[in-house]
Amino acid sequence: MAPMSPRKSITPLTGAAFVKKLAALTKLSKNKPAHFALAVSGGADSLSLLVLAAEAKKKNKHWNFSILTVNHGLRRAAVQETRYVTKLAKASDLVCKILTHKGAIPKNDIQSAARNIRYGLMFDWCHKNKVDYLVTAHHLEDQAETFLLRLARGSGLDGLSGMQRVRNSNGVALLRPFLDIPRERLHQTIAKAGLEAISDPSNSNQRFARVRIRNKMDLFAQEGMTATRLAETAGRLLQARQALEQVTENFMQAAVRLDEYGIAHLTYASLHDQPEDILRRTINRLLTPYGGYPPRAESVQRILNDVFLKSRPPKDGGKTVNGFVIRFRLNGLLIFREFSGLPEPVIIKPGEFFVWDNGTSVRVAKKTMLKGTLSIKPLGAAGLKAIRHLGNDVPKNLPVAAIHALPSVWLTYRKKSHILAAKGVLTHQDIQFDDKIWF
């Protein structure tokens, strides 16, 4: 494939403009050190990130850029494509990491599965390498296509408000700086650099709904529904969504109490006379793990009907939804993480800071006399037994399941492990738990 040819009528983006957009999204000073991971597949859209990062690096010595390219294992050409991206990155004096999927190859809903694999690998890399920002090249037409796709699926206000420019995922901010930039301008950016783009056959496969919608965009434009107008509509809906989110935030600040164990308390009295949409949003936020995915809409509606709109608590004692336990009490609800849905133990080193599953951050002192391997994991039955053996008091008014889900820090030395600290029930001078509300 020959390099793309630049068109004089369209102005390519510059490294300076790229830096300005990133600074606007992150509120970072250009003189403050920062590390950005850039998602680059080798396609015409994402290659613009590589070109602009190379320019930006020359203009801003304080910011570091790493290229991430993913091999999903879906196509034989993937190995060559990741090598090609690595070659371009090296020529631009940029570090490139190839992330390879080693699990099962998805057979159904391939585009969605591939997207989940891709983001999973990239977010994992960012977490492990303490990179705060992941940048993608989603553009104006992507936003318009997303709006139409969600409209066809019957999405409500939140879905139709489109992709957000900034979305936090468990401590990593996903940035989409080009949502107001037409696709052609990104293509002209790589054309000016004289680069060849990889052609992904799935982008022209009529099996996929996004491709079918993309091929009809000219027809929509003839009726006035241009990509720009559709994206602007999504933007106006986003403003309405943000207003409702602020009302929800105000309600939750007044109605939801987060105790020292990270358990949310909500009284039935506080739910009376609240609009259903505000209650629905409250449920959605309470049942979404920190940086994770929200519960299914039908699950939210079921909780709304069975619990939040009832004047009396249900008789079944509790429910489990999206990795959370809702426990019913006479005067209100307790909401906490389900033990079985919590992550595997994570190694943490002295001086490190780690955000645990429910948003609680764990910090280990840099100067410590502790010898061995430190790890964070749910307290569990073994941890609760160990705490009781140490003679520490454990709250009797909380469900045992809630105590089992508390974050705890363990020390392993010479193949023997013992507990050092657990949120709210066991302290250690070198371990600090900081409250961070997951919702």
Protein backbone atom coordinates (compact mmCIF):
# COMPACT_ATOMS: atom_id res chain seq x y z
CA MET A 1 0.00 0.00 0.00
CA ALA A 2 1.37 3.41 -0.98
CA PRO A 3 1.65 6.26 1.50
CA MET A 4 -1.47 8.42 1.75
CA SER A 5 -1.41 11.60 -0.35
CA PRO A 6 -2.03 14.90 1.45
CA ARG A 7 -4.89 17.18 0.33
CA LYS A 8 -4.22 20.90 0.39
CA SER A 9 -7.79 21.78 1.44
CA ILE A 10 -7.49 19.97 4.79
CA THR A 11 -5.01 21.09 7.44
CA PRO A 12 -3.19 18.27 9.25
CA LEU A 13 -2.96 18.34 13.03
CA THR A 14 0.31 19.43 14.63
CA GLY A 15 2.21 18.20 17.66
CA ALA A 16 1.57 21.55 19.36
CA ALA A 17 -2.20 21.17 18.85
CA PHE A 18 -2.00 17.61 20.23
CA VAL A 19 -0.21 18.81 23.37
CA LYS A 20 -2.81 21.56 23.80
CA LYS A 21 -5.68 19.05 23.59
CA LEU A 22 -4.08 16.68 26.10
CA ALA A 23 -3.39 19.57 28.48
CA ALA A 24 -7.03 20.67 28.24
CA LEU A 25 -8.34 17.17 29.04
CA THR A 26 -5.91 16.44 31.89
CA LYS A 27 -5.56 19.96 33.34
CA LEU A 28 -1.82 19.29 33.34
CA SER A 29 0.80 21.97 32.97
CA LYS A 30 3.08 21.39 30.00
CA ASN A 31 5.99 21.61 32.43
CA LYS A 32 4.69 18.86 34.71
CA PRO A 33 6.03 15.33 34.03
CA ALA A 34 3.41 12.96 32.61
CA HIS A 35 3.33 9.60 30.85
CA PHE A 36 0.78 8.84 28.12
CA ALA A 37 0.12 5.43 26.57
CA LEU A 38 -1.18 5.65 22.99
CA ALA A 39 -3.36 2.93 21.46
CA VAL A 40 -2.01 2.35 17.93
CA SER A 41 -3.23 -0.49 15.71
CA GLY A 42 -1.51 0.73 12.57
CA GLY A 43 -4.74 1.91 10.95
CA ALA A 44 -5.04 5.38 9.46
CA ASP A 45 -6.80 6.83 12.52
CA SER A 46 -4.50 5.56 15.25
CA LEU A 47 -1.27 6.17 13.30
CA SER A 48 -1.99 9.87 13.72
CA LEU A 49 -1.31 9.41 17.44
CA LEU A 50 2.16 8.06 16.67
CA VAL A 51 2.93 10.94 14.29
CA LEU A 52 1.69 13.59 16.72
CA ALA A 53 3.45 12.01 19.72
CA ALA A 54 6.75 12.09 17.84
CA GLU A 55 6.24 15.82 17.17
CA ALA A 56 5.01 16.53 20.69
CA LYS A 57 8.00 14.77 22.23
CA LYS A 58 10.33 17.22 20.50
CA LYS A 59 8.35 20.21 21.77
CA ASN A 60 7.70 19.00 25.32
CA LYS A 61 10.54 17.22 27.10
CA HIS A 62 8.46 16.77 30.26
CA TRP A 63 5.92 14.42 28.70
CA ASN A 64 6.65 10.80 27.86
CA PHE A 65 4.76 8.74 25.25
CA SER A 66 4.58 4.95 24.92
CA ILE A 67 2.95 3.21 21.95
CA LEU A 68 0.76 0.19 22.74
CA THR A 69 -0.19 -2.18 19.93
CA VAL A 70 -2.28 -5.32 20.45
CA ASN A 71 -2.22 -8.75 18.86
CA HIS A 72 -5.68 -10.23 19.54
CA GLY A 73 -4.78 -13.46 17.77
CA LEU A 74 -7.80 -13.01 15.47
CA ARG A 75 -5.89 -12.69 12.18
CA ARG A 76 -2.65 -14.17 10.86
CA ALA A 77 -1.51 -10.73 9.74
CA ALA A 78 -1.61 -9.43 13.33
CA VAL A 79 2.00 -10.40 14.08
CA GLN A 80 3.30 -8.52 11.03
CA GLU A 81 1.08 -5.53 11.83
CA THR A 82 2.37 -5.19 15.39
CA ARG A 83 5.94 -5.44 14.08
CA TYR A 84 5.17 -2.72 11.55
CA VAL A 85 3.89 -0.39 14.29
CA THR A 86 6.99 -1.17 16.36
CA LYS A 87 9.20 -0.30 13.37
CA LEU A 88 7.45 3.05 12.87
CA ALA A 89 7.66 3.85 16.58
CA LYS A 90 11.37 3.07 16.67
CA ALA A 91 11.96 5.30 13.64
CA SER A 92 10.17 8.09 15.53
CA ASP A 93 12.23 7.51 18.70
CA LEU A 94 9.18 6.22 20.60
CA VAL A 95 8.95 3.17 22.84
CA CYS A 96 6.49 0.54 21.58
CA LYS A 97 5.05 -2.39 23.53
CA ILE A 98 3.35 -5.33 21.80
CA LEU A 99 0.55 -6.73 23.97
CA THR A 100 -0.49 -10.27 23.03
CA HIS A 101 -3.74 -11.96 23.97
CA LYS A 102 -3.00 -15.48 25.23
CA GLY A 103 -6.52 -16.61 26.08
CA ALA A 104 -9.29 -18.19 24.05
CA ILE A 105 -10.10 -16.66 20.67
CA PRO A 106 -13.65 -15.22 20.67
CA LYS A 107 -16.07 -16.72 18.13
CA ASN A 108 -19.20 -14.65 18.78
CA ASP A 109 -19.69 -10.87 18.80
CA ILE A 110 -16.09 -10.60 17.60
CA GLN A 111 -15.80 -6.81 17.45
CA SER A 112 -17.07 -6.37 21.00
CA ALA A 113 -14.92 -9.23 22.32
CA ALA A 114 -11.83 -7.86 20.55
CA ARG A 115 -12.48 -4.41 22.03
CA ASN A 116 -12.72 -5.87 25.54
CA ILE A 117 -9.50 -7.84 25.03
CA ARG A 118 -7.73 -4.77 23.67
CA TYR A 119 -8.75 -2.46 26.49
CA GLY A 120 -8.10 -5.14 29.10
CA LEU A 121 -4.51 -5.61 27.92
CA MET A 122 -3.84 -1.89 27.63
CA PHE A 123 -5.32 -0.97 31.02
CA ASP A 124 -3.37 -3.82 32.65
CA TRP A 125 -0.16 -2.50 31.11
CA CYS A 126 -0.93 1.02 32.33
CA HIS A 127 -1.60 -0.22 35.86
CA LYS A 128 1.57 -2.30 36.00
CA ASN A 129 3.70 0.53 34.61
CA LYS A 130 2.03 3.30 36.63
CA VAL A 131 0.87 5.17 33.53
CA ASP A 132 -2.03 7.50 34.32
CA TYR A 133 -3.34 8.16 30.80
CA LEU A 134 -4.40 5.96 27.87
CA VAL A 135 -5.14 7.86 24.64
CA THR A 136 -7.22 6.64 21.69
CA ALA A 137 -7.86 8.17 18.25
CA HIS A 138 -11.68 8.09 18.25
CA HIS A 139 -12.86 10.96 16.06
CA LEU A 140 -15.95 12.92 14.97
CA GLU A 141 -17.32 10.20 12.67
CA ASP A 142 -16.81 7.55 15.37
CA GLN A 143 -18.94 9.65 17.71
CA ALA A 144 -21.69 10.01 15.07
CA GLU A 145 -21.67 6.27 14.31
CA THR A 146 -21.83 5.46 18.03
CA PHE A 147 -24.85 7.75 18.40
CA LEU A 148 -26.70 5.99 15.56
CA LEU A 149 -25.75 2.51 16.79
CA ARG A 150 -27.09 3.27 20.25
CA LEU A 151 -30.20 4.91 18.83
CA ALA A 152 -30.90 1.72 16.86
CA ARG A 153 -30.53 -0.31 20.07
CA GLY A 154 -33.01 1.85 21.95
CA SER A 155 -30.50 3.51 24.27
CA GLY A 156 -31.63 6.19 26.69
CA LEU A 157 -30.07 9.53 27.52
CA ASP A 158 -26.77 8.13 28.81
CA GLY A 159 -26.14 5.97 25.75
CA LEU A 160 -27.10 8.69 23.29
CA SER A 161 -24.76 11.18 24.97
CA GLY A 162 -21.98 9.32 23.16
CA MET A 163 -18.39 8.61 24.06
CA GLN A 164 -16.87 10.78 26.76
CA ARG A 165 -13.64 12.68 26.22
CA VAL A 166 -12.37 11.49 29.60
CA ARG A 167 -13.36 8.25 31.34
CA ASN A 168 -11.64 6.96 34.45
CA SER A 169 -11.00 3.24 34.79
CA ASN A 170 -9.56 2.14 38.13
CA GLY A 171 -6.96 4.89 38.31
CA VAL A 172 -6.24 5.22 34.58
CA ALA A 173 -7.87 8.01 32.56
CA LEU A 174 -8.99 7.05 29.06
CA LEU A 175 -8.60 10.15 26.87
CA ARG A 176 -10.30 10.76 23.51
CA PRO A 177 -8.90 14.12 22.34
CA PHE A 178 -10.14 13.89 18.72
CA LEU A 179 -13.92 13.57 19.16
CA ASP A 180 -14.36 16.97 17.48
CA ILE A 181 -11.83 16.24 14.71
CA PRO A 182 -13.00 14.80 11.34
CA ARG A 183 -11.48 11.49 10.27
CA GLU A 184 -10.04 13.05 7.13
CA ARG A 185 -7.93 15.47 9.15
CA LEU A 186 -6.28 12.57 10.99
CA HIS A 187 -5.64 10.86 7.66
CA GLN A 188 -4.04 14.01 6.30
CA THR A 189 -1.80 14.10 9.36
CA ILE A 190 -0.24 10.74 8.48
CA ALA A 191 -0.27 11.59 4.76
CA LYS A 192 1.90 14.61 5.48
CA ALA A 193 4.29 12.32 7.38
CA GLY A 194 4.41 9.97 4.38
CA LEU A 195 3.28 6.89 6.32
CA GLU A 196 1.37 3.86 5.07
CA ALA A 197 -1.67 2.74 7.04
CA ILE A 198 -2.69 -0.87 7.64
CA SER A 199 -6.06 -1.85 6.21
CA ASP A 200 -8.17 -3.97 8.58
CA PRO A 201 -10.63 -6.09 6.52
CA SER A 202 -13.18 -5.99 9.36
CA ASN A 203 -13.65 -2.26 8.67
CA SER A 204 -15.37 -3.13 5.38
CA ASN A 205 -17.18 -6.28 6.53
CA GLN A 206 -20.94 -5.80 6.14
CA ARG A 207 -21.57 -8.33 8.92
CA PHE A 208 -20.86 -5.60 11.44
CA ALA A 209 -23.53 -3.01 12.26
CA ARG A 210 -21.01 -0.17 12.58
CA VAL A 211 -19.75 -0.84 9.04
CA ARG A 212 -23.30 -0.86 7.65
CA ILE A 213 -24.07 2.45 9.36
CA ARG A 214 -20.78 3.95 8.17
CA ASN A 215 -21.65 3.06 4.59
CA LYS A 216 -24.98 4.88 4.93
CA MET A 217 -23.58 8.11 6.39
CA ASP A 218 -23.81 9.89 3.02
CA LEU A 219 -27.55 9.13 2.92
CA PHE A 220 -28.01 10.51 6.45
CA ALA A 221 -26.03 13.61 5.47
CA GLN A 222 -28.40 14.26 2.55
CA GLU A 223 -31.20 14.60 5.12
CA GLY A 224 -29.15 17.01 7.22
CA MET A 225 -27.86 14.37 9.64
CA THR A 226 -24.17 15.00 9.04
CA ALA A 227 -21.52 13.54 11.30
CA THR A 228 -20.97 17.00 12.77
CA ARG A 229 -24.65 17.51 13.55
CA LEU A 230 -25.04 14.03 15.08
CA ALA A 231 -21.97 14.58 17.25
CA GLU A 232 -23.31 17.97 18.33
CA THR A 233 -26.61 16.32 19.29
CA ALA A 234 -24.72 13.78 21.38
CA GLY A 235 -22.89 16.69 23.01
CA ARG A 236 -26.15 18.43 23.96
CA LEU A 237 -27.50 15.19 25.40
CA LEU A 238 -24.27 14.88 27.38
CA GLN A 239 -24.98 18.27 28.96
CA ALA A 240 -28.43 17.04 30.02
CA ARG A 241 -26.88 13.84 31.37
CA GLN A 242 -24.31 15.82 33.35
CA ALA A 243 -27.08 17.94 34.90
CA LEU A 244 -28.91 14.80 36.06
CA GLU A 245 -25.64 13.35 37.33
CA GLN A 246 -25.13 16.47 39.43
CA VAL A 247 -28.62 16.11 40.93
CA THR A 248 -27.82 12.46 41.64
CA GLU A 249 -24.52 13.45 43.24
CA ASN A 250 -26.28 15.94 45.51
CA PHE A 251 -28.84 13.31 46.53
CA MET A 252 -26.17 10.70 47.26
CA GLN A 253 -24.10 13.14 49.30
CA ALA A 254 -27.14 13.66 51.53
CA ALA A 255 -28.58 10.13 51.54
CA VAL A 256 -25.66 7.68 51.32
CA ARG A 257 -23.26 7.15 54.22
CA LEU A 258 -19.97 5.35 53.68
CA ASP A 259 -18.63 3.89 56.93
CA GLU A 260 -15.03 3.20 57.95
CA TYR A 261 -15.24 -0.28 56.42
CA GLY A 262 -16.20 1.02 52.97
CA ILE A 263 -19.82 -0.17 53.31
CA ALA A 264 -22.59 2.06 51.93
CA HIS A 265 -25.67 2.70 54.10
CA LEU A 266 -28.94 4.01 52.69
CA THR A 267 -32.21 4.56 54.59
CA TYR A 268 -35.63 3.79 53.12
CA ALA A 269 -36.89 7.19 54.28
CA SER A 270 -34.35 8.97 52.04
CA LEU A 271 -35.77 7.24 48.96
CA HIS A 272 -39.27 8.66 49.30
CA ASP A 273 -40.43 11.23 46.75
CA GLN A 274 -37.27 10.99 44.65
CA PRO A 275 -37.69 10.91 40.84
CA GLU A 276 -37.27 7.41 39.43
CA ASP A 277 -34.43 8.48 37.14
CA ILE A 278 -32.41 9.83 40.08
CA LEU A 279 -32.98 6.57 41.98
CA ARG A 280 -32.03 4.58 38.89
CA ARG A 281 -28.79 6.54 38.57
CA THR A 282 -28.12 6.07 42.28
CA ILE A 283 -28.48 2.29 41.94
CA ASN A 284 -26.25 2.32 38.88
CA ARG A 285 -23.48 4.16 40.71
CA LEU A 286 -23.74 2.12 43.90
CA LEU A 287 -23.52 -1.15 41.96
CA THR A 288 -20.64 -0.19 39.67
CA PRO A 289 -17.16 -1.28 40.85
CA TYR A 290 -14.53 1.45 40.98
CA GLY A 291 -13.31 1.80 37.40
CA GLY A 292 -15.52 -1.12 36.32
CA TYR A 293 -18.65 -1.71 34.29
CA PRO A 294 -22.17 -0.81 35.46
CA PRO A 295 -24.88 -3.43 36.03
CA ARG A 296 -27.26 -4.39 33.24
CA ALA A 297 -30.22 -2.07 32.74
CA GLU A 298 -32.71 -4.85 33.53
CA SER A 299 -30.91 -5.57 36.83
CA VAL A 300 -31.09 -1.90 37.79
CA GLN A 301 -34.80 -1.76 36.94
CA ARG A 302 -35.46 -4.90 39.00
CA ILE A 303 -33.73 -3.41 42.05
CA LEU A 304 -35.63 -0.16 41.52
CA ASN A 305 -38.99 -1.94 41.40
CA ASP A 306 -38.33 -4.51 44.13
CA VAL A 307 -36.43 -2.37 46.63
CA PHE A 308 -36.16 1.37 46.04
CA LEU A 309 -39.82 1.99 45.20
CA LYS A 310 -41.14 -0.14 48.07
CA SER A 311 -42.15 1.36 51.40
CA ARG A 312 -41.07 -1.79 53.24
CA PRO A 313 -37.93 -3.93 52.85
CA PRO A 314 -38.21 -7.18 50.85
CA LYS A 315 -38.50 -10.38 52.84
CA ASP A 316 -35.69 -12.33 51.16
CA GLY A 317 -32.89 -10.65 53.14
CA GLY A 318 -30.69 -9.55 50.26
CA LYS A 319 -29.64 -9.68 46.63
CA THR A 320 -26.38 -10.03 44.71
CA VAL A 321 -25.98 -7.85 41.62
CA ASN A 322 -22.90 -7.12 39.49
CA GLY A 323 -20.47 -8.26 42.19
CA PHE A 324 -22.21 -6.36 45.00
CA VAL A 325 -24.33 -7.59 47.90
CA ILE A 326 -27.43 -5.62 48.89
CA ARG A 327 -28.43 -6.56 52.43
CA PHE A 328 -31.86 -5.47 53.69
CA ARG A 329 -32.29 -4.09 57.19
CA LEU A 330 -35.43 -2.84 58.93
CA ASN A 331 -34.64 0.82 58.31
CA GLY A 332 -32.42 0.68 55.26
CA LEU A 333 -29.87 -1.02 53.02
CA LEU A 334 -26.24 -2.08 53.30
CA ILE A 335 -24.26 -2.35 50.06
CA PHE A 336 -20.82 -3.93 49.89
CA ARG A 337 -18.61 -5.91 47.53
CA GLU A 338 -19.19 -9.62 47.03
CA PHE A 339 -16.18 -11.66 48.18
CA SER A 340 -16.19 -14.02 45.19
CA GLY A 341 -16.06 -11.12 42.73
CA LEU A 342 -12.93 -9.52 44.18
CA PRO A 343 -9.57 -9.69 42.36
CA GLU A 344 -6.66 -12.04 42.98
CA PRO A 345 -3.93 -10.95 45.44
CA VAL A 346 -1.75 -8.08 44.21
CA ILE A 347 1.91 -7.62 45.18
CA ILE A 348 2.74 -4.17 46.57
CA LYS A 349 6.22 -2.85 47.38
CA PRO A 350 7.35 -0.39 50.06
CA GLY A 351 6.65 3.18 48.98
CA GLU A 352 3.94 2.12 46.54
CA PHE A 353 0.35 3.31 46.32
CA PHE A 354 -2.36 0.99 45.01
CA VAL A 355 -6.09 1.50 44.43
CA TRP A 356 -8.01 -1.55 45.62
CA ASP A 357 -11.13 -2.88 43.93
CA ASN A 358 -13.73 -0.77 45.77
CA GLY A 359 -11.73 2.45 45.46
CA THR A 360 -9.91 2.17 48.78
CA SER A 361 -6.27 3.07 48.25
CA VAL A 362 -3.52 1.22 50.08
CA ARG A 363 -0.20 2.88 50.79
CA VAL A 364 2.93 1.21 52.21
CA ALA A 365 5.60 3.32 53.90
CA LYS A 366 8.76 3.75 51.85
CA LYS A 367 11.01 3.19 54.85
CA THR A 368 9.91 0.02 56.59
CA MET A 369 11.59 -2.77 58.55
CA LEU A 370 9.25 -5.37 57.04
CA LYS A 371 11.04 -8.23 55.29
CA GLY A 372 9.29 -10.41 52.74
CA THR A 373 6.59 -10.00 50.11
CA LEU A 374 3.62 -7.74 50.76
CA SER A 375 0.29 -8.46 49.07
CA ILE A 376 -3.22 -7.00 49.05
CA LYS A 377 -6.22 -9.33 49.01
CA PRO A 378 -9.73 -9.70 50.46
CA LEU A 379 -9.71 -10.50 54.18
CA GLY A 380 -11.67 -13.73 53.81
CA ALA A 381 -12.49 -16.30 56.47
CA ALA A 382 -8.80 -17.03 57.17
CA GLY A 383 -8.05 -13.35 57.74
CA LEU A 384 -11.04 -12.91 60.04
CA LYS A 385 -9.92 -15.94 62.06
CA ALA A 386 -6.38 -14.52 62.28
CA ILE A 387 -7.67 -11.15 63.50
CA ARG A 388 -9.78 -12.78 66.18
CA HIS A 389 -6.77 -14.86 67.21
CA LEU A 390 -4.83 -11.61 67.69
CA GLY A 391 -7.55 -10.45 70.07
CA ASN A 392 -8.87 -7.62 67.89
CA ASP A 393 -12.52 -6.63 68.06
CA VAL A 394 -14.60 -7.28 64.97
CA PRO A 395 -17.86 -5.34 64.53
CA LYS A 396 -20.80 -7.57 65.42
CA ASN A 397 -23.41 -5.44 63.69
CA LEU A 398 -21.99 -6.06 60.21
CA PRO A 399 -22.64 -9.12 58.03
CA VAL A 400 -19.77 -11.60 58.02
CA ALA A 401 -19.83 -11.48 54.21
CA ALA A 402 -19.05 -7.75 54.35
CA ILE A 403 -16.10 -8.32 56.70
CA HIS A 404 -14.73 -11.07 54.43
CA ALA A 405 -14.63 -8.56 51.54
CA LEU A 406 -12.52 -5.98 53.40
CA PRO A 407 -9.12 -5.20 51.82
CA SER A 408 -6.19 -6.53 53.82
CA VAL A 409 -2.40 -6.55 53.58
CA TRP A 410 -0.39 -9.73 54.21
CA LEU A 411 3.32 -10.39 54.61
CA THR A 412 4.89 -13.57 53.25
CA TYR A 413 8.37 -14.46 54.52
CA ARG A 414 10.07 -17.82 54.15
CA LYS A 415 6.87 -19.36 52.76
CA LYS A 416 4.82 -18.31 55.79
CA SER A 417 2.11 -15.64 55.57
CA HIS A 418 0.51 -13.56 58.26
CA ILE A 419 -1.86 -10.62 58.24
CA LEU A 420 -0.54 -7.10 58.88
CA ALA A 421 -3.55 -4.84 58.40
CA ALA A 422 -7.21 -4.84 57.36
CA LYS A 423 -9.40 -1.86 56.66
CA GLY A 424 -11.24 -0.76 59.79
CA VAL A 425 -10.32 -3.76 61.96
CA LEU A 426 -6.51 -4.09 62.12
CA THR A 427 -3.88 -1.36 61.86
CA HIS A 428 -0.14 -1.32 61.19
CA GLN A 429 2.16 1.69 61.40
CA ASP A 430 3.52 1.13 57.86
CA ILE A 431 0.15 0.47 56.17
CA GLN A 432 -2.38 3.17 55.39
CA PHE A 433 -5.88 2.73 53.96
CA ASP A 434 -7.31 5.88 52.37
CA ASP A 435 -11.04 6.15 51.78
CA LYS A 436 -12.04 6.79 48.20
CA ILE A 437 -15.74 6.52 47.46
CA TRP A 438 -16.18 4.11 44.55
CA PHE A 439 -19.43 5.76 43.48
